[in-house]
Amino acid sequence: MEKKHFALKKLLEAVEKELLKKPNRKTLDRLSLLAGFQDWDSFQDALHGDADAKANYEV
């Protein structure tokens, strides 16, 4: 029974580690596109600054 408990504990630690991993830049850029921004930096500027998504569509 102790072996099963240890194995389950290790499995849960591995899953938690994977869930807490920060997404890479490519993933963040793609998620930003879905939100209407050109890239992650544009999204961050709008979130924490004065810019908004309209800047991405100005000609």
N, C-alpha and C. Protein backbone atom coordinates (compact mmCIF):
# COMPACT_ATOMS: atom_id res chain seq x y z
N MET A 1 0.83 -1.20 0.00
CA MET A 1 0.00 0.00 0.00
C MET A 1 0.87 1.26 0.00
N GLU A 2 1.99 1.21 0.69
CA GLU A 2 2.86 2.37 0.77
C GLU A 2 3.46 2.70 -0.59
N LYS A 3 3.75 1.67 -1.40
CA LYS A 3 4.28 1.90 -2.75
C LYS A 3 3.26 2.64 -3.61
N LYS A 4 2.01 2.27 -3.49
CA LYS A 4 0.94 2.94 -4.26
C LYS A 4 0.80 4.39 -3.83
N HIS A 5 0.89 4.63 -2.54
CA HIS A 5 0.80 5.99 -2.02
C HIS A 5 1.94 6.85 -2.55
N PHE A 6 3.15 6.29 -2.54
CA PHE A 6 4.32 7.00 -3.05
C PHE A 6 4.18 7.29 -4.54
N ALA A 7 3.72 6.30 -5.31
CA ALA A 7 3.55 6.47 -6.75
C ALA A 7 2.49 7.53 -7.05
N LEU A 8 1.40 7.51 -6.32
CA LEU A 8 0.34 8.50 -6.50
C LEU A 8 0.84 9.90 -6.16
N LYS A 9 1.61 9.99 -5.10
CA LYS A 9 2.16 11.28 -4.70
C LYS A 9 3.08 11.84 -5.79
N LYS A 10 3.93 10.98 -6.35
CA LYS A 10 4.84 11.41 -7.42
C LYS A 10 4.06 11.83 -8.67
N LEU A 11 3.00 11.11 -8.99
CA LEU A 11 2.17 11.45 -10.14
C LEU A 11 1.51 12.81 -9.94
N LEU A 12 0.98 13.06 -8.76
CA LEU A 12 0.34 14.34 -8.48
C LEU A 12 1.35 15.48 -8.53
N GLU A 13 2.55 15.26 -8.04
CA GLU A 13 3.59 16.29 -8.11
C GLU A 13 3.93 16.62 -9.55
N ALA A 14 4.01 15.60 -10.41
CA ALA A 14 4.33 15.82 -11.82
C ALA A 14 3.21 16.59 -12.51
N VAL A 15 1.96 16.26 -12.20
CA VAL A 15 0.82 16.96 -12.81
C VAL A 15 0.79 18.41 -12.34
N GLU A 16 0.99 18.67 -11.07
CA GLU A 16 1.01 20.04 -10.56
C GLU A 16 2.12 20.85 -11.20
N LYS A 17 3.28 20.25 -11.35
CA LYS A 17 4.41 20.94 -11.97
C LYS A 17 4.07 21.33 -13.41
N GLU A 18 3.42 20.44 -14.15
CA GLU A 18 3.06 20.72 -15.53
C GLU A 18 1.98 21.80 -15.61
N LEU A 19 1.04 21.78 -14.69
CA LEU A 19 -0.04 22.77 -14.70
C LEU A 19 0.47 24.16 -14.35
N LEU A 20 1.50 24.24 -13.53
CA LEU A 20 2.02 25.53 -13.10
C LEU A 20 3.08 26.09 -14.04
N LYS A 21 3.45 25.34 -15.07
CA LYS A 21 4.48 25.78 -15.99
C LYS A 21 3.98 26.98 -16.80
N LYS A 22 4.82 27.97 -16.96
CA LYS A 22 4.47 29.15 -17.73
C LYS A 22 4.49 28.80 -19.22
N PRO A 23 3.46 29.23 -19.95
CA PRO A 23 3.44 28.96 -21.40
C PRO A 23 4.59 29.66 -22.10
N ASN A 24 5.04 29.10 -23.22
CA ASN A 24 6.13 29.73 -23.96
C ASN A 24 5.62 30.94 -24.75
N ARG A 25 6.53 31.68 -25.31
CA ARG A 25 6.20 32.94 -26.00
C ARG A 25 5.26 32.72 -27.18
N LYS A 26 5.46 31.66 -27.93
CA LYS A 26 4.61 31.38 -29.09
C LYS A 26 3.16 31.17 -28.65
N THR A 27 2.96 30.45 -27.58
CA THR A 27 1.61 30.22 -27.06
C THR A 27 0.99 31.53 -26.60
N LEU A 28 1.75 32.36 -25.90
CA LEU A 28 1.23 33.64 -25.43
C LEU A 28 0.87 34.55 -26.60
N ASP A 29 1.68 34.55 -27.66
CA ASP A 29 1.37 35.35 -28.85
C ASP A 29 0.07 34.88 -29.50
N ARG A 30 -0.12 33.58 -29.59
CA ARG A 30 -1.35 33.05 -30.20
C ARG A 30 -2.59 33.37 -29.36
N LEU A 31 -2.45 33.28 -28.05
CA LEU A 31 -3.58 33.65 -27.19
C LEU A 31 -3.91 35.13 -27.30
N SER A 32 -2.88 35.95 -27.46
CA SER A 32 -3.09 37.39 -27.64
C SER A 32 -3.82 37.68 -28.94
N LEU A 33 -3.51 36.93 -29.99
CA LEU A 33 -4.23 37.09 -31.26
C LEU A 33 -5.71 36.82 -31.08
N LEU A 34 -6.05 35.81 -30.32
CA LEU A 34 -7.47 35.50 -30.06
C LEU A 34 -8.18 36.63 -29.33
N ALA A 35 -7.42 37.37 -28.54
CA ALA A 35 -7.99 38.49 -27.78
C ALA A 35 -8.01 39.78 -28.61
N GLY A 36 -7.47 39.73 -29.85
CA GLY A 36 -7.53 40.90 -30.71
C GLY A 36 -6.26 41.73 -30.73
N PHE A 37 -5.15 41.19 -30.29
CA PHE A 37 -3.89 41.92 -30.26
C PHE A 37 -2.89 41.25 -31.20
N GLN A 38 -1.89 42.01 -31.63
CA GLN A 38 -0.90 41.48 -32.57
C GLN A 38 0.06 40.49 -31.93
N ASP A 39 0.40 40.72 -30.68
CA ASP A 39 1.33 39.83 -29.99
C ASP A 39 1.19 40.02 -28.48
N TRP A 40 1.97 39.28 -27.74
CA TRP A 40 1.92 39.32 -26.28
C TRP A 40 2.27 40.70 -25.73
N ASP A 41 3.27 41.34 -26.35
CA ASP A 41 3.68 42.66 -25.88
C ASP A 41 2.55 43.68 -26.04
N SER A 42 1.84 43.63 -27.17
CA SER A 42 0.72 44.54 -27.39
C SER A 42 -0.38 44.30 -26.35
N PHE A 43 -0.63 43.04 -26.06
CA PHE A 43 -1.64 42.72 -25.06
C PHE A 43 -1.23 43.25 -23.68
N GLN A 44 0.04 43.06 -23.32
CA GLN A 44 0.54 43.53 -22.03
C GLN A 44 0.48 45.05 -21.94
N ASP A 45 0.81 45.74 -23.05
CA ASP A 45 0.73 47.20 -23.07
C ASP A 45 -0.69 47.68 -22.83
N ALA A 46 -1.65 47.00 -23.45
CA ALA A 46 -3.05 47.38 -23.27
C ALA A 46 -3.53 47.07 -21.86
N LEU A 47 -3.05 45.97 -21.33
CA LEU A 47 -3.47 45.55 -20.00
C LEU A 47 -2.90 46.44 -18.91
N HIS A 48 -1.65 46.86 -19.09
CA HIS A 48 -0.97 47.61 -18.04
C HIS A 48 -0.66 49.06 -18.43
N GLY A 49 -1.07 49.46 -19.61
CA GLY A 49 -0.73 50.81 -20.05
C GLY A 49 -1.93 51.53 -20.63
N ASP A 50 -1.65 52.44 -21.57
CA ASP A 50 -2.70 53.27 -22.16
C ASP A 50 -3.20 52.74 -23.49
N ALA A 51 -2.53 51.76 -24.09
CA ALA A 51 -2.90 51.26 -25.41
C ALA A 51 -4.14 50.37 -25.31
N ASP A 52 -4.80 50.17 -26.44
CA ASP A 52 -5.89 49.22 -26.51
C ASP A 52 -5.84 48.51 -27.87
N ALA A 53 -6.77 47.61 -28.13
CA ALA A 53 -6.74 46.80 -29.34
C ALA A 53 -6.97 47.65 -30.59
N LYS A 54 -7.56 48.83 -30.46
CA LYS A 54 -7.79 49.67 -31.64
C LYS A 54 -6.48 50.04 -32.34
N ALA A 55 -5.41 50.14 -31.59
CA ALA A 55 -4.11 50.47 -32.18
C ALA A 55 -3.66 49.43 -33.20
N ASN A 56 -4.15 48.21 -33.06
CA ASN A 56 -3.77 47.15 -34.00
C ASN A 56 -4.46 47.29 -35.34
N TYR A 57 -5.52 48.09 -35.42
CA TYR A 57 -6.29 48.20 -36.66
C TYR A 57 -6.19 49.56 -37.31
N GLU A 58 -5.35 50.45 -36.76
CA GLU A 58 -5.19 51.75 -37.35
C GLU A 58 -4.33 51.64 -38.62
N VAL A 59 -4.71 52.41 -39.62
CA VAL A 59 -3.97 52.36 -40.89
C VAL A 59 -3.00 53.51 -40.98
